[in-house]
Amino acid sequence: MSVWNQAHGINGLLSAVMDASPDLILVKDAQCRFIMVNDAMARLYQTTKEEMVGKTDADYISNKEQLELFDRDVRSIIASGKEV
């Protein structure tokens, strides 16, 4: 096992790869809570990646219709079993 892998592990590698992308990257659970986001996503919501874990879009967006759309889309994706 490499020294880098011992220090950072697979989650560190995944986080580094995600943060290298300018695109918004996020992973949510079935309750639409953030499990993991990249730096670009955290900047959009004007917070940190660490602060977003365990929270939902409702913690950052007040528009009810937009929240319902996000939740419906996430639940649809989870139900389909497909990755997006």
PDB file of N, CA and C in Angstrom:
ATOM      1  N   MET A   1       0.846  -1.169   0.000  1.00  0.00           N
ATOM      2  CA  MET A   1       0.000   0.000   0.000  1.00  0.00           C
ATOM      3  C   MET A   1       0.895   1.237   0.000  1.00  0.00           C
ATOM      4  N   SER A   2       0.562   2.206  -0.862  1.00  0.00           N
ATOM      5  CA  SER A   2       1.390   3.407  -0.959  1.00  0.00           C
ATOM      6  C   SER A   2       1.234   4.277   0.285  1.00  0.00           C
ATOM      7  N   VAL A   3       2.217   5.120   0.487  1.00  0.00           N
ATOM      8  CA  VAL A   3       2.180   6.048   1.617  1.00  0.00           C
ATOM      9  C   VAL A   3       0.979   6.981   1.483  1.00  0.00           C
ATOM     10  N   TRP A   4       0.710   7.460   0.248  1.00  0.00           N
ATOM     11  CA  TRP A   4      -0.438   8.355   0.029  1.00  0.00           C
ATOM     12  C   TRP A   4      -1.727   7.641   0.397  1.00  0.00           C
ATOM     13  N   ASN A   5      -1.888   6.404  -0.049  1.00  0.00           N
ATOM     14  CA  ASN A   5      -3.107   5.653   0.230  1.00  0.00           C
ATOM     15  C   ASN A   5      -3.264   5.398   1.722  1.00  0.00           C
ATOM     16  N   GLN A   6      -2.176   5.129   2.421  1.00  0.00           N
ATOM     17  CA  GLN A   6      -2.253   4.939   3.864  1.00  0.00           C
ATOM     18  C   GLN A   6      -2.712   6.217   4.557  1.00  0.00           C
ATOM     19  N   ALA A   7      -2.242   7.347   4.077  1.00  0.00           N
ATOM     20  CA  ALA A   7      -2.576   8.625   4.707  1.00  0.00           C
ATOM     21  C   ALA A   7      -3.970   9.116   4.353  1.00  0.00           C
ATOM     22  N   HIS A   8      -4.406   8.851   3.114  1.00  0.00           N
ATOM     23  CA  HIS A   8      -5.651   9.450   2.639  1.00  0.00           C
ATOM     24  C   HIS A   8      -6.737   8.440   2.286  1.00  0.00           C
ATOM     25  N   GLY A   9      -6.369   7.244   1.920  1.00  0.00           N
ATOM     26  CA  GLY A   9      -7.338   6.224   1.573  1.00  0.00           C
ATOM     27  C   GLY A   9      -8.122   6.532   0.322  1.00  0.00           C
ATOM     28  N   ILE A  10      -9.035   5.661   0.005  1.00  0.00           N
ATOM     29  CA  ILE A  10      -9.832   5.776  -1.216  1.00  0.00           C
ATOM     30  C   ILE A  10     -10.729   7.004  -1.168  1.00  0.00           C
ATOM     31  N   ASN A  11     -11.250   7.374  -0.001  1.00  0.00           N
ATOM     32  CA  ASN A  11     -12.094   8.566   0.083  1.00  0.00           C
ATOM     33  C   ASN A  11     -11.301   9.826  -0.225  1.00  0.00           C
ATOM     34  N   GLY A  12     -10.051   9.870   0.204  1.00  0.00           N
ATOM     35  CA  GLY A  12      -9.206  11.015  -0.111  1.00  0.00           C
ATOM     36  C   GLY A  12      -8.947  11.121  -1.604  1.00  0.00           C
ATOM     37  N   LEU A  13      -8.722   9.991  -2.236  1.00  0.00           N
ATOM     38  CA  LEU A  13      -8.505   9.964  -3.678  1.00  0.00           C
ATOM     39  C   LEU A  13      -9.760  10.405  -4.414  1.00  0.00           C
ATOM     40  N   LEU A  14     -10.906   9.851  -4.020  1.00  0.00           N
ATOM     41  CA  LEU A  14     -12.171  10.221  -4.651  1.00  0.00           C
ATOM     42  C   LEU A  14     -12.440  11.712  -4.478  1.00  0.00           C
ATOM     43  N   SER A  15     -12.221  12.231  -3.292  1.00  0.00           N
ATOM     44  CA  SER A  15     -12.432  13.652  -3.028  1.00  0.00           C
ATOM     45  C   SER A  15     -11.512  14.510  -3.895  1.00  0.00           C
ATOM     46  N   ALA A  16     -10.270  14.122  -4.031  1.00  0.00           N
ATOM     47  CA  ALA A  16      -9.316  14.878  -4.855  1.00  0.00           C
ATOM     48  C   ALA A  16      -9.740  14.896  -6.318  1.00  0.00           C
ATOM     49  N   VAL A  17     -10.205  13.763  -6.815  1.00  0.00           N
ATOM     50  CA  VAL A  17     -10.665  13.678  -8.209  1.00  0.00           C
ATOM     51  C   VAL A  17     -11.903  14.547  -8.401  1.00  0.00           C
ATOM     52  N   MET A  18     -12.844  14.463  -7.465  1.00  0.00           N
ATOM     53  CA  MET A  18     -14.066  15.268  -7.567  1.00  0.00           C
ATOM     54  C   MET A  18     -13.739  16.757  -7.531  1.00  0.00           C
ATOM     55  N   ASP A  19     -12.838  17.154  -6.643  1.00  0.00           N
ATOM     56  CA  ASP A  19     -12.498  18.571  -6.501  1.00  0.00           C
ATOM     57  C   ASP A  19     -11.756  19.121  -7.707  1.00  0.00           C
ATOM     58  N   ALA A  20     -11.125  18.262  -8.481  1.00  0.00           N
ATOM     59  CA  ALA A  20     -10.405  18.704  -9.670  1.00  0.00           C
ATOM     60  C   ALA A  20     -11.365  19.111 -10.782  1.00  0.00           C
ATOM     61  N   SER A  21     -12.624  18.710 -10.673  1.00  0.00           N
ATOM     62  CA  SER A  21     -13.614  19.028 -11.699  1.00  0.00           C
ATOM     63  C   SER A  21     -14.298  20.353 -11.410  1.00  0.00           C
ATOM     64  N   PRO A  22     -14.491  21.165 -12.438  1.00  0.00           N
ATOM     65  CA  PRO A  22     -15.245  22.412 -12.251  1.00  0.00           C
ATOM     66  C   PRO A  22     -16.762  22.154 -12.201  1.00  0.00           C
ATOM     67  N   ASP A  23     -17.175  20.949 -12.574  1.00  0.00           N
ATOM     68  CA  ASP A  23     -18.591  20.602 -12.575  1.00  0.00           C
ATOM     69  C   ASP A  23     -19.086  20.347 -11.155  1.00  0.00           C
ATOM     70  N   LEU A  24     -20.394  20.530 -10.953  1.00  0.00           N
ATOM     71  CA  LEU A  24     -21.007  20.216  -9.668  1.00  0.00           C
ATOM     72  C   LEU A  24     -21.122  18.708  -9.546  1.00  0.00           C
ATOM     73  N   ILE A  25     -20.540  18.154  -8.498  1.00  0.00           N
ATOM     74  CA  ILE A  25     -20.602  16.715  -8.258  1.00  0.00           C
ATOM     75  C   ILE A  25     -21.117  16.502  -6.847  1.00  0.00           C
ATOM     76  N   LEU A  26     -22.141  15.656  -6.726  1.00  0.00           N
ATOM     77  CA  LEU A  26     -22.712  15.388  -5.421  1.00  0.00           C
ATOM     78  C   LEU A  26     -23.227  13.969  -5.348  1.00  0.00           C
ATOM     79  N   VAL A  27     -23.262  13.463  -4.130  1.00  0.00           N
ATOM     80  CA  VAL A  27     -23.822  12.141  -3.845  1.00  0.00           C
ATOM     81  C   VAL A  27     -24.812  12.340  -2.710  1.00  0.00           C
ATOM     82  N   LYS A  28     -26.041  11.816  -2.903  1.00  0.00           N
ATOM     83  CA  LYS A  28     -27.079  11.942  -1.877  1.00  0.00           C
ATOM     84  C   LYS A  28     -27.566  10.560  -1.471  1.00  0.00           C
ATOM     85  N   ASP A  29     -28.134  10.488  -0.273  1.00  0.00           N
ATOM     86  CA  ASP A  29     -28.747   9.235   0.173  1.00  0.00           C
ATOM     87  C   ASP A  29     -30.237   9.246  -0.180  1.00  0.00           C
ATOM     88  N   ALA A  30     -30.959   8.201   0.213  1.00  0.00           N
ATOM     89  CA  ALA A  30     -32.377   8.058  -0.133  1.00  0.00           C
ATOM     90  C   ALA A  30     -33.250   9.143   0.494  1.00  0.00           C
ATOM     91  N   GLN A  31     -32.756   9.794   1.532  1.00  0.00           N
ATOM     92  CA  GLN A  31     -33.501  10.883   2.161  1.00  0.00           C
ATOM     93  C   GLN A  31     -33.063  12.252   1.617  1.00  0.00           C
ATOM     94  N   CYS A  32     -32.348  12.219   0.501  1.00  0.00           N
ATOM     95  CA  CYS A  32     -31.872  13.425  -0.195  1.00  0.00           C
ATOM     96  C   CYS A  32     -30.862  14.228   0.619  1.00  0.00           C
ATOM     97  N   ARG A  33     -30.178  13.578   1.545  1.00  0.00           N
ATOM     98  CA  ARG A  33     -29.118  14.234   2.312  1.00  0.00           C
ATOM     99  C   ARG A  33     -27.806  14.077   1.559  1.00  0.00           C
ATOM    100  N   PHE A  34     -26.992  15.116   1.609  1.00  0.00           N
ATOM    101  CA  PHE A  34     -25.689  15.055   0.967  1.00  0.00           C
ATOM    102  C   PHE A  34     -24.781  14.085   1.716  1.00  0.00           C
ATOM    103  N   ILE A  35     -24.170  13.191   0.967  1.00  0.00           N
ATOM    104  CA  ILE A  35     -23.176  12.270   1.512  1.00  0.00           C
ATOM    105  C   ILE A  35     -21.785  12.792   1.192  1.00  0.00           C
ATOM    106  N   MET A  36     -21.651  13.331  -0.015  1.00  0.00           N
ATOM    107  CA  MET A  36     -20.359  13.822  -0.476  1.00  0.00           C
ATOM    108  C   MET A  36     -20.606  14.850  -1.571  1.00  0.00           C
ATOM    109  N   VAL A  37     -19.843  15.935  -1.561  1.00  0.00           N
ATOM    110  CA  VAL A  37     -19.915  16.950  -2.614  1.00  0.00           C
ATOM    111  C   VAL A  37     -18.500  17.396  -2.946  1.00  0.00           C
ATOM    112  N   ASN A  38     -18.364  18.040  -4.086  1.00  0.00           N
ATOM    113  CA  ASN A  38     -17.047  18.583  -4.425  1.00  0.00           C
ATOM    114  C   ASN A  38     -16.985  20.073  -4.083  1.00  0.00           C
ATOM    115  N   ASP A  39     -15.815  20.645  -4.246  1.00  0.00           N
ATOM    116  CA  ASP A  39     -15.611  22.057  -3.915  1.00  0.00           C
ATOM    117  C   ASP A  39     -16.548  22.964  -4.703  1.00  0.00           C
ATOM    118  N   ALA A  40     -16.769  22.648  -5.974  1.00  0.00           N
ATOM    119  CA  ALA A  40     -17.646  23.484  -6.809  1.00  0.00           C
ATOM    120  C   ALA A  40     -19.059  23.521  -6.240  1.00  0.00           C
ATOM    121  N   MET A  41     -19.556  22.389  -5.772  1.00  0.00           N
ATOM    122  CA  MET A  41     -20.895  22.335  -5.187  1.00  0.00           C
ATOM    123  C   MET A  41     -20.951  23.146  -3.898  1.00  0.00           C
ATOM    124  N   ALA A  42     -19.950  23.017  -3.062  1.00  0.00           N
ATOM    125  CA  ALA A  42     -19.909  23.767  -1.808  1.00  0.00           C
ATOM    126  C   ALA A  42     -19.842  25.274  -2.081  1.00  0.00           C
ATOM    127  N   ARG A  43     -19.092  25.675  -3.096  1.00  0.00           N
ATOM    128  CA  ARG A  43     -19.017  27.105  -3.440  1.00  0.00           C
ATOM    129  C   ARG A  43     -20.379  27.623  -3.897  1.00  0.00           C
ATOM    130  N   LEU A  44     -21.101  26.815  -4.666  1.00  0.00           N
ATOM    131  CA  LEU A  44     -22.428  27.223  -5.127  1.00  0.00           C
ATOM    132  C   LEU A  44     -23.337  27.555  -3.948  1.00  0.00           C
ATOM    133  N   TYR A  45     -23.274  26.747  -2.906  1.00  0.00           N
ATOM    134  CA  TYR A  45     -24.112  26.959  -1.727  1.00  0.00           C
ATOM    135  C   TYR A  45     -23.410  27.806  -0.657  1.00  0.00           C
ATOM    136  N   GLN A  46     -22.258  28.355  -1.021  1.00  0.00           N
ATOM    137  CA  GLN A  46     -21.493  29.261  -0.152  1.00  0.00           C
ATOM    138  C   GLN A  46     -21.227  28.654   1.232  1.00  0.00           C
ATOM    139  N   THR A  47     -20.710  27.429   1.210  1.00  0.00           N
ATOM    140  CA  THR A  47     -20.392  26.725   2.443  1.00  0.00           C
ATOM    141  C   THR A  47     -19.186  25.829   2.189  1.00  0.00           C
ATOM    142  N   THR A  48     -18.957  24.880   3.055  1.00  0.00           N
ATOM    143  CA  THR A  48     -17.856  23.933   2.877  1.00  0.00           C
ATOM    144  C   THR A  48     -18.413  22.539   2.618  1.00  0.00           C
ATOM    145  N   LYS A  49     -17.575  21.700   2.057  1.00  0.00           N
ATOM    146  CA  LYS A  49     -17.972  20.305   1.812  1.00  0.00           C
ATOM    147  C   LYS A  49     -18.353  19.631   3.123  1.00  0.00           C
ATOM    148  N   GLU A  50     -17.563  19.868   4.139  1.00  0.00           N
ATOM    149  CA  GLU A  50     -17.791  19.227   5.431  1.00  0.00           C
ATOM    150  C   GLU A  50     -19.122  19.660   6.043  1.00  0.00           C
ATOM    151  N   GLU A  51     -19.466  20.927   5.888  1.00  0.00           N
ATOM    152  CA  GLU A  51     -20.732  21.435   6.425  1.00  0.00           C
ATOM    153  C   GLU A  51     -21.944  20.859   5.697  1.00  0.00           C
ATOM    154  N   MET A  52     -21.790  20.501   4.438  1.00  0.00           N
ATOM    155  CA  MET A  52     -22.920  20.013   3.649  1.00  0.00           C
ATOM    156  C   MET A  52     -23.305  18.577   3.979  1.00  0.00           C
ATOM    157  N   VAL A  53     -22.358  17.787   4.445  1.00  0.00           N
ATOM    158  CA  VAL A  53     -22.635  16.373   4.721  1.00  0.00           C
ATOM    159  C   VAL A  53     -23.747  16.256   5.767  1.00  0.00           C
ATOM    160  N   GLY A  54     -24.777  15.479   5.412  1.00  0.00           N
ATOM    161  CA  GLY A  54     -25.899  15.256   6.307  1.00  0.00           C
ATOM    162  C   GLY A  54     -27.030  16.256   6.141  1.00  0.00           C
ATOM    163  N   LYS A  55     -26.798  17.293   5.358  1.00  0.00           N
ATOM    164  CA  LYS A  55     -27.826  18.309   5.131  1.00  0.00           C
ATOM    165  C   LYS A  55     -28.518  18.050   3.798  1.00  0.00           C
ATOM    166  N   THR A  56     -29.591  18.787   3.557  1.00  0.00           N
ATOM    167  CA  THR A  56     -30.326  18.680   2.301  1.00  0.00           C
ATOM    168  C   THR A  56     -30.318  20.031   1.601  1.00  0.00           C
ATOM    169  N   ASP A  57     -30.846  20.051   0.394  1.00  0.00           N
ATOM    170  CA  ASP A  57     -30.950  21.318  -0.334  1.00  0.00           C
ATOM    171  C   ASP A  57     -31.779  22.330   0.451  1.00  0.00           C
ATOM    172  N   ALA A  58     -32.726  21.862   1.254  1.00  0.00           N
ATOM    173  CA  ALA A  58     -33.582  22.756   2.041  1.00  0.00           C
ATOM    174  C   ALA A  58     -32.781  23.601   3.024  1.00  0.00           C
ATOM    175  N   ASP A  59     -31.598  23.147   3.378  1.00  0.00           N
ATOM    176  CA  ASP A  59     -30.742  23.933   4.265  1.00  0.00           C
ATOM    177  C   ASP A  59     -30.109  25.125   3.551  1.00  0.00           C
ATOM    178  N   TYR A  60     -30.225  25.148   2.211  1.00  0.00           N
ATOM    179  CA  TYR A  60     -29.575  26.195   1.431  1.00  0.00           C
ATOM    180  C   TYR A  60     -30.505  26.937   0.481  1.00  0.00           C
ATOM    181  N   ILE A  61     -31.649  26.350   0.171  1.00  0.00           N
ATOM    182  CA  ILE A  61     -32.577  26.925  -0.804  1.00  0.00           C
ATOM    183  C   ILE A  61     -33.925  27.113  -0.129  1.00  0.00           C
ATOM    184  N   SER A  62     -34.523  28.279  -0.313  1.00  0.00           N
ATOM    185  CA  SER A  62     -35.825  28.543   0.303  1.00  0.00           C
ATOM    186  C   SER A  62     -36.995  28.385  -0.672  1.00  0.00           C
ATOM    187  N   ASN A  63     -36.714  28.264  -1.964  1.00  0.00           N
ATOM    188  CA  ASN A  63     -37.762  28.128  -2.971  1.00  0.00           C
ATOM    189  C   ASN A  63     -38.376  26.727  -2.907  1.00  0.00           C
ATOM    190  N   LYS A  64     -39.624  26.654  -2.457  1.00  0.00           N
ATOM    191  CA  LYS A  64     -40.279  25.364  -2.230  1.00  0.00           C
ATOM    192  C   LYS A  64     -40.424  24.543  -3.515  1.00  0.00           C
ATOM    193  N   GLU A  65     -40.788  25.175  -4.615  1.00  0.00           N
ATOM    194  CA  GLU A  65     -40.945  24.444  -5.875  1.00  0.00           C
ATOM    195  C   GLU A  65     -39.622  23.849  -6.339  1.00  0.00           C
ATOM    196  N   GLN A  66     -38.561  24.615  -6.204  1.00  0.00           N
ATOM    197  CA  GLN A  66     -37.244  24.126  -6.592  1.00  0.00           C
ATOM    198  C   GLN A  66     -36.840  22.939  -5.721  1.00  0.00           C
ATOM    199  N   LEU A  67     -37.102  23.030  -4.426  1.00  0.00           N
ATOM    200  CA  LEU A  67     -36.783  21.930  -3.509  1.00  0.00           C
ATOM    201  C   LEU A  67     -37.549  20.673  -3.869  1.00  0.00           C
ATOM    202  N   GLU A  68     -38.837  20.819  -4.171  1.00  0.00           N
ATOM    203  CA  GLU A  68     -39.657  19.667  -4.545  1.00  0.00           C
ATOM    204  C   GLU A  68     -39.135  19.028  -5.825  1.00  0.00           C
ATOM    205  N   LEU A  69     -38.713  19.851  -6.774  1.00  0.00           N
ATOM    206  CA  LEU A  69     -38.146  19.342  -8.028  1.00  0.00           C
ATOM    207  C   LEU A  69     -36.865  18.565  -7.755  1.00  0.00           C
ATOM    208  N   PHE A  70     -35.962  19.133  -6.954  1.00  0.00           N
ATOM    209  CA  PHE A  70     -34.714  18.444  -6.627  1.00  0.00           C
ATOM    210  C   PHE A  70     -34.993  17.103  -5.944  1.00  0.00           C
ATOM    211  N   ASP A  71     -35.866  17.113  -4.948  1.00  0.00           N
ATOM    212  CA  ASP A  71     -36.185  15.884  -4.215  1.00  0.00           C
ATOM    213  C   ASP A  71     -36.818  14.837  -5.121  1.00  0.00           C
ATOM    214  N   ARG A  72     -37.747  15.270  -5.967  1.00  0.00           N
ATOM    215  CA  ARG A  72     -38.410  14.338  -6.890  1.00  0.00           C
ATOM    216  C   ARG A  72     -37.389  13.723  -7.844  1.00  0.00           C
ATOM    217  N   ASP A  73     -36.491  14.551  -8.369  1.00  0.00           N
ATOM    218  CA  ASP A  73     -35.469  14.046  -9.293  1.00  0.00           C
ATOM    219  C   ASP A  73     -34.554  13.035  -8.601  1.00  0.00           C
ATOM    220  N   VAL A  74     -34.108  13.352  -7.386  1.00  0.00           N
ATOM    221  CA  VAL A  74     -33.207  12.444  -6.658  1.00  0.00           C
ATOM    222  C   VAL A  74     -33.913  11.129  -6.365  1.00  0.00           C
ATOM    223  N   ARG A  75     -35.147  11.200  -5.885  1.00  0.00           N
ATOM    224  CA  ARG A  75     -35.888   9.978  -5.556  1.00  0.00           C
ATOM    225  C   ARG A  75     -36.142   9.134  -6.815  1.00  0.00           C
ATOM    226  N   SER A  76     -36.385   9.802  -7.937  1.00  0.00           N
ATOM    227  CA  SER A  76     -36.581   9.085  -9.201  1.00  0.00           C
ATOM    228  C   SER A  76     -35.303   8.367  -9.632  1.00  0.00           C
ATOM    229  N   ILE A  77     -34.180   9.051  -9.497  1.00  0.00           N
ATOM    230  CA  ILE A  77     -32.893   8.453  -9.862  1.00  0.00           C
ATOM    231  C   ILE A  77     -32.597   7.249  -8.954  1.00  0.00           C
ATOM    232  N   ILE A  78     -32.822   7.404  -7.661  1.00  0.00           N
ATOM    233  CA  ILE A  78     -32.575   6.310  -6.718  1.00  0.00           C
ATOM    234  C   ILE A  78     -33.480   5.123  -7.040  1.00  0.00           C
ATOM    235  N   ALA A  79     -34.750   5.387  -7.324  1.00  0.00           N
ATOM    236  CA  ALA A  79     -35.706   4.316  -7.635  1.00  0.00           C
ATOM    237  C   ALA A  79     -35.317   3.572  -8.906  1.00  0.00           C
ATOM    238  N   SER A  80     -34.714   4.287  -9.853  1.00  0.00           N
ATOM    239  CA  SER A  80     -34.342   3.662 -11.129  1.00  0.00           C
ATOM    240  C   SER A  80     -33.133   2.734 -10.966  1.00  0.00           C
ATOM    241  N   GLY A  81     -32.335   2.986  -9.934  1.00  0.00           N
ATOM    242  CA  GLY A  81     -31.135   2.186  -9.729  1.00  0.00           C
ATOM    243  C   GLY A  81     -29.998   2.539 -10.670  1.00  0.00           C
ATOM    244  N   LYS A  82     -30.157   3.618 -11.422  1.00  0.00           N
ATOM    245  CA  LYS A  82     -29.133   4.045 -12.375  1.00  0.00           C
ATOM    246  C   LYS A  82     -28.299   5.168 -11.787  1.00  0.00           C
ATOM    247  N   GLU A  83     -27.062   5.220 -12.224  1.00  0.00           N
ATOM    248  CA  GLU A  83     -26.185   6.309 -11.824  1.00  0.00           C
ATOM    249  C   GLU A  83     -26.292   7.435 -12.830  1.00  0.00           C
ATOM    250  N   VAL A  84     -26.182   8.653 -12.351  1.00  0.00           N
ATOM    251  CA  VAL A  84     -26.267   9.816 -13.242  1.00  0.00           C
ATOM    252  C   VAL A  84     -24.996  10.620 -13.127  1.00  0.00           C
TER     253      VAL A  84
END
